[in-house]
C-alpha cells in the first residue's frame, strides 16, 4: 500500500520531510584535515555584478540627460540644460557657460546657473586669462582645467581670489565646448561651494555628455545663424523708412517668423500728393519665400506708379505677373490709394483681411468684397472700395500672421483684434506708432517672440490729420 502524500498548501508542494530511517552523518575521523574557513570578503561574481550595475546606472543617466538636451530647439534653453546636467554629473551647485564661436560669427553669450547678472558681472572683472574659460578659449589650455582649492592655490590672480570669496565658491572645474567640424564653440565652468574636484568616474561621464552637447549646440548655432541671415535679408527688402506726406502720419511694425516668411508692407509717394499703401503675403517660408516677396513688392511699386489711382488694375497686373513668372506660388495682397487732402482711401484686396478703421466715434472693419488670392484663379478681378476717413482716424492694414499668432479660430481672432483697437486710450490715438504697439500688446499679450507661431506679422498704420 502506498504511503499518503503530504498535504499541499496554496498549490505548492511542501518540503518533503526527511525519512525516519535516514542515518545521521558520521563525525569526521580523528586524523582528518581541518576544514578551511569560509572566505569573509565578497565573491568575485558579486564585484562584477556591482560594477555592471554601476555601468548600467551611468548609461541610463547619460541617456536621460542627452534626451532632455536633444529636445531643446534653441540656444539659450540648450545652454541652460547643459549647465543643469553638468552640475548634476560633477556634483556642483553653480556654473556658467560662455558661448564664443572660434570663427567669430555671431555674438558671444554668457549664461549662468545659480548666478545672477551681477554675479556674472563680478566674474567678468577678473582678468580673462586668469579665468578657466579664458584659458580654454584664448590659450587652448588642455582639455580641462581643475582648481580644487582656489583660496589655497599659489599664483592665483588676486582679483580672482577676491571675486571667489565674494561670490562664495572655493573650487571650479572647466571643460571646452568644441567639435571637429565647427571647431571651438565656448567653454563650461562649474563652481563648488567647498574645496572639491570630480573623481575619475564623474569626469568620464561629464566628458561624454559635453561632447554630445557640443555637437547639439553646433547644430543649433547654425540654425540661429541661418534664421538671423534670413531675417536680415527680409528687413533689407522692406522700406528702411516711411515717407513723409502732408496730411497723414505713418507707422509700421514688422516681425519675421523663425523660418523667414514672405509678408511685406510698403508706402510709396505718388503723383498729385497721393500715397500708395500695400501689405501682402507670399505663400511658403524660408529664403525662397523672402526672395519672391522682394520681387513681388518691387513689381507692385512699379504698377502703383503707373496706375495707382486704380487699385484693381494694380492687383490685376500683379496677379498676371505672378501667374506667368511663379506659377507654383500664390499671394494675398491689399493696395490702397490714399488722397490725404480729401481723407479718401480707395482700396482693393486679393484674399486679404479687411483694414480696420479706428477713430473716436467708430472702430470697424472696412466692407471689402470677398476675393481669391493672387495666382489661384485663371483671371483675378474684384471691385474696389472707398473709405472716407475723418480727422484723427487711423486706417490699420495688417497681414494674416497677426490673426494666426493668436492661436484662435479666425472669428475669435478678428474679435480680439477689434477689441484691442477699441480699447486704445485716447492719449495714444494721436500717434500711429503707439496705436500699432497697443494692438500688438493686446492681441498678442505674450509678445511676438514667445507667441507659438511661425507666422510673420506686419502692421501698417496711417493716421489722417
Protein backbone atom coordinates (compact mmCIF):
# COMPACT_ATOMS: atom_id res chain seq x y z
CA UNK A 1 0.00 0.00 0.00
CA UNK A 2 1.39 3.38 -0.98
CA UNK A 3 2.10 5.93 1.73
CA UNK A 4 -0.19 9.03 1.61
CA UNK A 5 1.22 12.21 0.02
CA UNK A 6 1.85 15.16 2.33
CA UNK A 7 -0.80 17.88 2.05
CA UNK A 8 -0.41 20.89 -0.37
CA UNK A 9 -0.56 24.47 0.72
CA UNK A 10 -1.72 27.12 -1.79
CA UNK A 11 -0.95 24.74 -4.66
CA UNK A 12 2.76 24.40 -3.79
CA UNK A 13 4.16 21.07 -2.56
CA UNK A 14 5.66 21.48 0.91
CA UNK A 15 9.19 20.40 1.55
CA UNK A 16 9.40 16.65 1.76
CA UNK A 17 10.41 15.66 5.34
CA UNK A 18 13.50 13.57 5.93
CA UNK A 19 12.62 9.87 6.12
CA UNK A 20 12.73 8.40 9.66
CA UNK A 21 15.23 5.70 8.67
CA UNK A 22 17.87 8.18 7.37
CA UNK A 23 21.18 7.69 9.17
CA UNK A 24 22.78 10.74 10.75
CA UNK A 25 26.07 11.87 9.29
CA UNK A 26 29.14 10.36 10.93
CA UNK A 27 31.63 12.64 12.76
CA UNK A 28 34.91 13.28 10.99
CA UNK A 29 37.81 10.94 11.53
CA UNK A 30 40.34 11.97 14.13
CA UNK A 31 43.17 12.19 11.60
CA UNK A 32 41.18 14.15 9.00
CA UNK A 33 42.48 17.55 7.99
CA UNK A 34 40.63 20.54 9.46
CA UNK A 35 38.14 22.33 7.16
CA UNK A 36 39.26 25.64 5.60
CA UNK A 37 37.49 28.75 6.91
CA UNK A 38 34.87 30.27 4.62
CA UNK A 39 36.00 33.44 2.79
CA UNK A 40 34.91 36.63 4.53
CA UNK A 41 35.05 39.06 1.52
CA UNK A 42 32.56 39.33 -1.38
CA UNK A 43 32.83 36.75 -4.10
CA UNK A 44 34.35 37.79 -7.46
CA UNK A 45 30.96 37.39 -9.10
CA UNK A 46 29.44 39.91 -6.68
CA UNK A 47 32.10 42.51 -7.53
CA UNK A 48 31.45 42.04 -11.23
CA UNK A 49 27.70 42.40 -10.75
CA UNK A 50 28.19 45.61 -8.76
CA UNK A 51 30.43 47.02 -11.47
CA UNK A 52 27.97 46.11 -14.21
CA UNK A 53 25.13 47.66 -12.20
CA UNK A 54 27.15 50.87 -11.90
CA UNK A 55 27.81 50.97 -15.64
CA UNK A 56 24.14 50.42 -16.42
CA UNK A 57 23.18 53.19 -14.00
CA UNK A 58 25.67 55.60 -15.59
CA UNK A 59 24.50 54.78 -19.11
CA UNK A 60 20.88 55.27 -18.08
CA UNK A 61 21.71 58.66 -16.57
CA UNK A 62 23.58 59.77 -19.69
CA UNK A 63 20.72 58.61 -21.90
CA UNK A 64 18.15 60.59 -19.91
CA UNK A 65 20.29 63.74 -19.86
CA UNK A 66 21.11 63.61 -23.56
CA UNK A 67 17.44 63.00 -24.40
CA UNK A 68 16.47 66.11 -22.45
CA UNK A 69 19.15 68.12 -24.23
CA UNK A 70 18.06 66.85 -27.65
CA UNK A 71 14.53 68.14 -27.04
CA UNK A 72 15.77 71.75 -26.84
CA UNK A 73 15.38 73.66 -30.10
CA UNK A 74 17.03 76.99 -29.25
CA UNK A 75 20.44 78.03 -27.98
CA UNK A 76 19.51 79.52 -24.62
CA UNK A 77 17.40 76.55 -23.40
CA UNK A 78 20.13 74.19 -24.61
CA UNK A 79 22.80 76.08 -22.68
CA UNK A 80 20.66 76.07 -19.54
CA UNK A 81 20.12 72.33 -19.88
CA UNK A 82 23.86 71.79 -20.38
CA UNK A 83 24.58 73.64 -17.14
CA UNK A 84 21.95 71.76 -15.15
CA UNK A 85 23.02 68.33 -16.41
CA UNK A 86 26.73 69.06 -15.95
CA UNK A 87 26.07 70.34 -12.45
CA UNK A 88 24.42 67.04 -11.54
CA UNK A 89 27.22 65.00 -13.10
CA UNK A 90 30.15 66.78 -11.44
CA UNK A 91 28.37 67.42 -8.14
CA UNK A 92 28.48 71.23 -8.26
CA UNK A 93 25.73 73.67 -7.43
CA UNK A 94 26.52 76.60 -9.72
CA UNK A 95 28.16 77.24 -13.05
CA UNK A 96 28.34 79.31 -16.21
CA UNK A 97 28.76 78.66 -19.90
CA UNK A 98 30.42 81.05 -22.34
CA UNK A 99 29.41 80.66 -25.98
CA UNK A 100 32.11 82.24 -28.14
CA UNK A 101 32.49 80.59 -31.56
CA UNK A 102 36.02 80.48 -32.85
CA UNK A 103 35.01 81.60 -36.36
CA UNK A 104 33.87 84.94 -34.97
CA UNK A 105 30.39 84.66 -36.49
CA UNK A 106 27.63 85.66 -34.14
CA UNK A 107 27.81 87.43 -30.82
CA UNK A 108 29.13 85.90 -27.61
CA UNK A 109 26.73 84.74 -24.93
CA UNK A 110 27.27 84.09 -21.22
CA UNK A 111 24.63 82.23 -19.20
CA UNK A 112 24.82 81.35 -15.52
CA UNK A 113 23.30 78.68 -13.31
CA UNK A 114 22.72 79.94 -9.78
CA UNK A 115 24.46 83.19 -10.77
CA UNK A 116 22.65 86.44 -11.40
CA UNK A 117 23.64 89.18 -13.81
CA UNK A 118 25.52 91.00 -11.07
CA UNK A 119 27.46 87.81 -10.21
CA UNK A 120 28.44 87.32 -13.84
CA UNK A 121 29.48 90.95 -13.96
CA UNK A 122 31.79 90.42 -10.97
CA UNK A 123 33.36 87.40 -12.66
CA UNK A 124 33.97 89.43 -15.82
CA UNK A 125 36.06 91.91 -13.79
CA UNK A 126 38.70 89.19 -13.33
CA UNK A 127 41.45 89.29 -16.00
CA UNK A 128 40.25 86.94 -18.71
CA UNK A 129 43.46 84.91 -18.83
CA UNK A 130 43.09 84.07 -15.13
CA UNK A 131 39.63 82.57 -15.52
CA UNK A 132 39.22 78.91 -16.52
CA UNK A 133 37.10 79.68 -19.58
CA UNK A 134 39.54 82.38 -20.66
CA UNK A 135 42.44 79.93 -20.56
CA UNK A 136 40.45 77.36 -22.53
CA UNK A 137 39.21 79.79 -25.17
CA UNK A 138 42.23 82.05 -25.63
CA UNK A 139 45.20 79.79 -24.92
CA UNK A 140 43.63 76.40 -25.67
CA UNK A 141 44.98 75.11 -22.35
CA UNK A 142 44.28 71.37 -22.46
CA UNK A 143 41.00 69.53 -22.29
CA UNK A 144 40.05 70.52 -18.73
CA UNK A 145 41.06 72.96 -16.03
CA UNK A 146 40.72 72.00 -12.37
CA UNK A 147 41.03 74.35 -9.41
CA UNK A 148 40.45 72.07 -6.43
CA UNK A 149 41.04 74.81 -3.83
CA UNK A 150 41.07 78.32 -5.24
CA UNK A 151 41.73 80.15 -1.99
CA UNK A 152 44.75 77.98 -1.13
CA UNK A 153 46.17 77.87 -4.65
CA UNK A 154 49.53 79.52 -5.25
CA UNK A 155 49.80 82.02 -8.07
CA UNK A 156 46.08 82.75 -8.29
CA UNK A 157 45.24 86.22 -9.53
CA UNK A 158 44.32 88.42 -6.50
CA UNK A 159 41.19 89.68 -8.24
CA UNK A 160 40.09 86.11 -8.94
CA UNK A 161 40.60 85.22 -5.28
CA UNK A 162 38.62 88.30 -4.23
CA UNK A 163 35.68 87.53 -6.55
CA UNK A 164 35.62 83.87 -5.49
CA UNK A 165 35.43 84.87 -1.84
CA UNK A 166 32.75 87.46 -2.59
CA UNK A 167 30.54 85.01 -4.51
CA UNK A 168 31.23 82.11 -2.14
CA UNK A 169 32.83 79.48 -4.38
CA UNK A 170 36.05 77.68 -3.50
CA UNK A 171 36.73 75.35 -6.44
CA UNK A 172 35.97 75.08 -10.16
CA UNK A 173 36.00 72.56 -12.95
CA UNK A 174 36.00 73.70 -16.60
CA UNK A 175 35.65 71.92 -19.93
CA UNK A 176 35.87 73.26 -23.50
CA UNK A 177 32.95 73.04 -25.93
CA UNK A 178 34.21 72.11 -29.37
CA UNK A 179 33.57 69.81 -32.32
CA UNK A 180 35.75 68.61 -35.17
CA UNK A 181 33.61 70.28 -37.82
CA UNK A 182 32.69 73.56 -36.08
CA UNK A 183 35.84 73.98 -34.02
CA UNK A 184 35.75 75.94 -30.79
CA UNK A 185 32.29 76.96 -29.56
CA UNK A 186 32.89 78.03 -25.97
CA UNK A 187 33.54 76.66 -22.50
CA UNK A 188 31.56 75.50 -19.47
CA UNK A 189 32.62 76.04 -15.86
CA UNK A 190 31.08 74.54 -12.72
CA UNK A 191 31.67 76.07 -9.29
CA UNK A 192 31.88 74.30 -5.92
CA UNK A 193 30.99 75.91 -2.62
CA UNK A 194 33.79 74.00 -0.85
CA UNK A 195 37.22 72.77 -1.99
CA UNK A 196 36.48 69.78 -4.22
CA UNK A 197 37.01 68.22 -7.63
CA UNK A 198 35.18 65.50 -9.56
CA UNK A 199 36.60 61.99 -9.35
CA UNK A 200 37.64 59.97 -12.38
CA UNK A 201 34.19 58.45 -12.90
CA UNK A 202 32.43 61.82 -12.83
CA UNK A 203 34.98 63.32 -15.21
CA UNK A 204 34.44 60.48 -17.65
CA UNK A 205 30.65 60.91 -17.55
CA UNK A 206 30.65 64.68 -17.93
CA UNK A 207 33.20 64.41 -20.74
CA UNK A 208 30.91 62.09 -22.69
CA UNK A 209 27.95 64.37 -22.08
CA UNK A 210 29.80 67.55 -23.07
CA UNK A 211 30.97 66.01 -26.35
CA UNK A 212 27.37 65.20 -27.24
CA UNK A 213 26.21 68.64 -26.08
CA UNK A 214 28.81 70.40 -28.24
CA UNK A 215 27.50 68.66 -31.36
CA UNK A 216 23.94 69.68 -30.48
CA UNK A 217 24.99 73.27 -29.80
CA UNK A 218 26.84 73.44 -33.11
CA UNK A 219 23.65 72.47 -34.97
CA UNK A 220 21.56 74.99 -33.05
CA UNK A 221 24.13 77.71 -33.65
CA UNK A 222 23.99 77.08 -37.39
CA UNK A 223 20.19 77.25 -37.32
CA UNK A 224 20.30 80.53 -35.39
CA UNK A 225 22.74 82.00 -37.89
CA UNK A 226 20.56 80.97 -40.81
CA UNK A 227 17.47 82.47 -39.19
CA UNK A 228 19.28 85.72 -38.45
CA UNK A 229 20.53 85.91 -42.04
CA UNK A 230 17.05 85.34 -43.47
CA UNK A 231 15.55 87.91 -41.09
CA UNK A 232 18.19 90.47 -42.08
CA UNK A 233 17.53 89.92 -45.78
CA UNK A 234 13.78 90.26 -45.22
CA UNK A 235 14.27 93.51 -43.31
CA UNK A 236 16.53 94.90 -46.01
CA UNK A 237 13.90 94.16 -48.67
CA UNK A 238 11.35 96.27 -46.78
CA UNK A 239 11.34 100.07 -46.54
CA UNK A 240 14.10 101.40 -44.29
CA UNK A 241 11.99 104.48 -43.60
CA UNK A 242 8.45 105.60 -44.34
CA UNK A 243 7.78 108.68 -46.49
CA UNK A 244 6.51 111.94 -45.09
CA UNK A 245 3.37 113.15 -46.83
CA UNK A 246 1.34 116.16 -45.76
CA UNK A 247 -1.94 115.31 -44.05
CA UNK A 248 -1.05 111.76 -43.00
CA UNK A 249 1.23 110.07 -40.45
CA UNK A 250 2.60 106.56 -40.93
CA UNK A 251 3.99 103.84 -38.69
CA UNK A 252 4.87 100.21 -39.40
CA UNK A 253 5.68 97.16 -37.28
CA UNK A 254 7.19 94.02 -38.78
CA UNK A 255 8.38 90.75 -37.31
CA UNK A 256 9.81 87.87 -39.32
CA UNK A 257 8.90 84.35 -38.22
CA UNK A 258 11.57 81.84 -37.17
CA UNK A 259 11.86 80.39 -40.69
CA UNK A 260 11.55 83.68 -42.53
CA UNK A 261 8.32 84.39 -44.32
CA UNK A 262 7.04 86.40 -47.24
CA UNK A 263 4.98 89.17 -45.57
CA UNK A 264 5.61 92.72 -46.74
CA UNK A 265 4.42 96.29 -46.39
CA UNK A 266 5.11 99.41 -48.43
CA UNK A 267 4.34 103.12 -48.56
CA UNK A 268 5.05 104.97 -51.80
CA UNK A 269 4.54 108.67 -52.64
CA UNK A 270 2.55 109.02 -55.86
CA UNK A 271 1.77 111.94 -58.20
CA UNK A 272 -0.77 114.61 -57.19
CA UNK A 273 0.26 114.39 -53.50
CA UNK A 274 -1.22 110.90 -53.23
CA UNK A 275 0.17 107.95 -51.31
CA UNK A 276 0.11 104.23 -52.09
CA UNK A 277 -0.07 101.76 -49.21
CA UNK A 278 0.25 98.00 -49.56
CA UNK A 279 0.53 94.89 -47.42
CA UNK A 280 0.71 91.30 -48.57
CA UNK A 281 1.99 87.81 -48.00
CA UNK A 282 3.60 85.21 -50.26
CA UNK A 283 2.99 81.54 -49.56
CA UNK A 284 5.86 79.49 -48.15
CA UNK A 285 8.74 80.26 -45.84
CA UNK A 286 12.49 80.44 -45.93
CA UNK A 287 14.87 82.20 -48.34
CA UNK A 288 12.82 81.37 -51.45
CA UNK A 289 9.69 82.99 -49.98
CA UNK A 290 11.69 86.05 -48.93
CA UNK A 291 13.11 86.39 -52.45
CA UNK A 292 9.65 86.02 -54.00
CA UNK A 293 8.34 88.66 -51.62
CA UNK A 294 11.06 91.08 -52.73
CA UNK A 295 10.26 90.56 -56.42
CA UNK A 296 6.52 90.94 -55.88
CA UNK A 297 6.84 94.07 -53.79
CA UNK A 298 9.18 95.71 -56.34
CA UNK A 299 6.74 94.91 -59.14
CA UNK A 300 3.82 96.32 -57.17
CA UNK A 301 5.69 99.59 -56.72
CA UNK A 302 6.12 99.88 -60.48
CA UNK A 303 2.44 99.18 -61.16
CA UNK A 304 1.42 101.66 -58.43
CA UNK A 305 3.40 104.47 -60.08
CA UNK A 306 1.81 103.75 -63.46
CA UNK A 307 -1.83 103.22 -62.41
CA UNK A 308 -2.04 103.63 -58.64
CA UNK A 309 -5.34 105.52 -58.77
CA UNK A 310 -6.94 102.25 -59.88
CA UNK A 311 -6.09 99.64 -57.20
CA UNK A 312 -7.92 96.90 -59.12
CA UNK A 313 -5.67 97.42 -62.15
CA UNK A 314 -2.59 97.35 -59.90
CA UNK A 315 -3.53 93.99 -58.40
CA UNK A 316 -4.62 92.60 -61.78
CA UNK A 317 -1.18 93.34 -63.23
CA UNK A 318 0.46 91.83 -60.16
CA UNK A 319 -1.65 88.68 -60.49
CA UNK A 320 -0.70 88.27 -64.15
CA UNK A 321 2.98 88.65 -63.33
CA UNK A 322 2.77 86.12 -60.50
CA UNK A 323 0.94 83.59 -62.68
CA UNK A 324 3.47 83.91 -65.52
CA UNK A 325 6.71 84.03 -63.53
CA UNK A 326 5.94 81.96 -60.41
CA UNK A 327 3.01 79.66 -61.20
CA UNK A 328 3.66 77.48 -58.15
CA UNK A 329 3.05 80.36 -55.73
CA UNK A 330 0.07 82.33 -54.58
CA UNK A 331 -0.13 85.54 -52.59
CA UNK A 332 -2.57 87.74 -50.75
CA UNK A 333 -2.30 91.49 -51.22
CA UNK A 334 -4.07 94.74 -50.44
CA UNK A 335 -3.35 98.03 -52.18
CA UNK A 336 -4.78 101.37 -51.05
CA UNK A 337 -4.64 104.65 -52.97
CA UNK A 338 -4.78 107.45 -50.39
CA UNK A 339 -5.60 111.11 -51.00
CA UNK A 340 -4.63 112.78 -47.68
CA UNK A 341 -6.09 116.17 -48.56
CA UNK A 342 -9.53 114.60 -49.05
CA UNK A 343 -9.04 111.87 -46.37
CA UNK A 344 -10.15 109.44 -49.02
CA UNK A 345 -8.90 105.87 -49.45
CA UNK A 346 -9.62 103.67 -52.48
CA UNK A 347 -8.52 100.09 -51.98
CA UNK A 348 -8.72 96.60 -53.41
CA UNK A 349 -7.84 93.31 -51.78
CA UNK A 350 -6.96 89.86 -53.08
CA UNK A 351 -7.74 87.27 -50.44
CA UNK A 352 -6.53 89.67 -47.75
CA UNK A 353 -8.04 90.63 -44.40
CA UNK A 354 -10.03 93.88 -44.39
CA UNK A 355 -8.47 97.07 -42.98
CA UNK A 356 -9.56 98.34 -39.59
CA UNK A 357 -10.77 101.91 -39.22
CA UNK A 358 -10.05 103.31 -35.74
CA UNK A 359 -11.50 106.61 -34.54
CA UNK A 360 -13.10 108.38 -31.61
CA UNK A 361 -16.64 107.50 -32.69
CA UNK A 362 -16.12 104.22 -34.52
CA UNK A 363 -13.93 101.14 -34.65
CA UNK A 364 -14.94 98.96 -37.56
CA UNK A 365 -13.63 96.75 -40.33
CA UNK A 366 -13.90 98.13 -43.85
CA UNK A 367 -16.55 96.46 -46.02
CA UNK A 368 -14.40 94.81 -48.67
CA UNK A 369 -15.56 92.22 -51.18
CA UNK A 370 -14.57 88.56 -50.78
CA UNK A 371 -11.94 87.68 -53.38
CA UNK A 372 -9.45 84.92 -54.10
CA UNK A 373 -5.70 85.29 -53.51
CA UNK A 374 -3.47 86.12 -56.44
CA UNK A 375 -2.48 83.12 -58.53
CA UNK A 376 -5.45 80.98 -57.52
CA UNK A 377 -7.76 81.73 -60.48
CA UNK A 378 -7.23 81.99 -64.22
CA UNK A 379 -8.07 85.70 -64.02
CA UNK A 380 -8.36 87.70 -60.82
CA UNK A 381 -10.78 90.59 -60.51
CA UNK A 382 -12.64 92.24 -57.63
CA UNK A 383 -14.32 95.63 -57.15
CA UNK A 384 -12.59 98.42 -55.29
CA UNK A 385 -13.91 100.02 -52.09
CA UNK A 386 -13.84 103.65 -50.97
CA UNK A 387 -13.33 104.73 -47.36
CA UNK A 388 -13.96 108.26 -46.18
CA UNK A 389 -11.93 108.89 -43.05
CA UNK A 390 -12.42 111.69 -40.54
CA UNK A 391 -9.76 113.85 -38.96
CA UNK A 392 -7.84 111.90 -36.31
CA UNK A 393 -8.88 108.47 -37.59
CA UNK A 394 -6.35 105.72 -38.31
CA UNK A 395 -6.56 103.08 -41.03
CA UNK A 396 -4.78 99.90 -39.87
CA UNK A 397 -3.53 97.46 -42.50
CA UNK A 398 -2.16 94.10 -41.33
CA UNK A 399 -1.31 90.61 -42.54
CA UNK A 400 -2.98 87.37 -41.50
CA UNK A 401 0.01 86.44 -39.37
CA UNK A 402 -1.31 88.74 -36.66
CA UNK A 403 -4.50 86.70 -36.51
CA UNK A 404 -2.83 83.29 -36.82
CA UNK A 405 -0.42 84.01 -33.98
CA UNK A 406 -3.29 84.27 -31.54
CA UNK A 407 -3.97 80.55 -31.96
CA UNK A 408 -7.72 81.27 -32.01
CA UNK A 409 -10.22 80.48 -34.77
CA UNK A 410 -10.45 83.31 -37.26
CA UNK A 411 -13.75 84.68 -35.96
CA UNK A 412 -12.35 84.93 -32.43
CA UNK A 413 -9.08 86.38 -33.73
CA UNK A 414 -10.99 89.13 -35.56
CA UNK A 415 -12.98 89.81 -32.41
CA UNK A 416 -9.78 90.06 -30.38
CA UNK A 417 -8.30 92.49 -32.91
CA UNK A 418 -11.44 94.64 -32.85
CA UNK A 419 -11.48 94.71 -29.05
CA UNK A 420 -7.80 95.67 -28.95
CA UNK A 421 -8.38 98.57 -31.33
CA UNK A 422 -11.46 99.77 -29.44
CA UNK A 423 -9.52 99.79 -26.15
CA UNK A 424 -6.77 102.15 -27.33
CA UNK A 425 -6.53 105.01 -24.80
CA UNK A 426 -7.43 108.42 -26.13
CA UNK A 427 -3.96 109.77 -25.34
CA UNK A 428 -2.38 107.20 -27.70
CA UNK A 429 -4.63 107.73 -30.69
CA UNK A 430 -2.64 110.73 -31.92
CA UNK A 431 0.41 108.56 -32.62
CA UNK A 432 0.08 105.77 -35.23
CA UNK A 433 3.13 104.01 -33.76
CA UNK A 434 1.50 103.92 -30.34
CA UNK A 435 -1.69 102.60 -31.94
CA UNK A 436 0.21 99.75 -33.61
CA UNK A 437 2.13 98.93 -30.41
CA UNK A 438 -1.05 98.83 -28.33
CA UNK A 439 -2.72 96.50 -30.81
CA UNK A 440 0.28 94.15 -30.76
CA UNK A 441 0.49 94.08 -26.96
CA UNK A 442 -3.22 93.45 -26.62
CA UNK A 443 -3.73 90.92 -29.40
CA UNK A 444 -0.51 89.05 -28.57
CA UNK A 445 -0.12 89.51 -24.79
CA UNK A 446 2.78 87.06 -24.62
CA UNK A 447 4.82 89.09 -27.09
CA UNK A 448 5.94 88.49 -30.63
CA UNK A 449 8.95 86.36 -29.70
CA UNK A 450 7.16 83.92 -27.43
CA UNK A 451 3.95 83.51 -29.42
CA UNK A 452 3.65 79.90 -30.53
CA UNK A 453 3.53 80.50 -34.27
CA UNK A 454 5.84 80.60 -37.26
CA UNK A 455 3.87 83.36 -38.98
CA UNK A 456 5.22 86.78 -39.92
CA UNK A 457 3.46 89.82 -38.51
CA UNK A 458 3.02 93.11 -40.36
CA UNK A 459 1.07 96.21 -39.26
CA UNK A 460 0.89 99.47 -41.22
CA UNK A 461 -0.97 102.35 -39.54
CA UNK A 462 -1.95 105.54 -41.39
CA UNK A 463 -3.45 108.39 -39.32
CA UNK A 464 -5.20 111.24 -41.10
CA UNK A 465 -4.71 114.75 -39.72
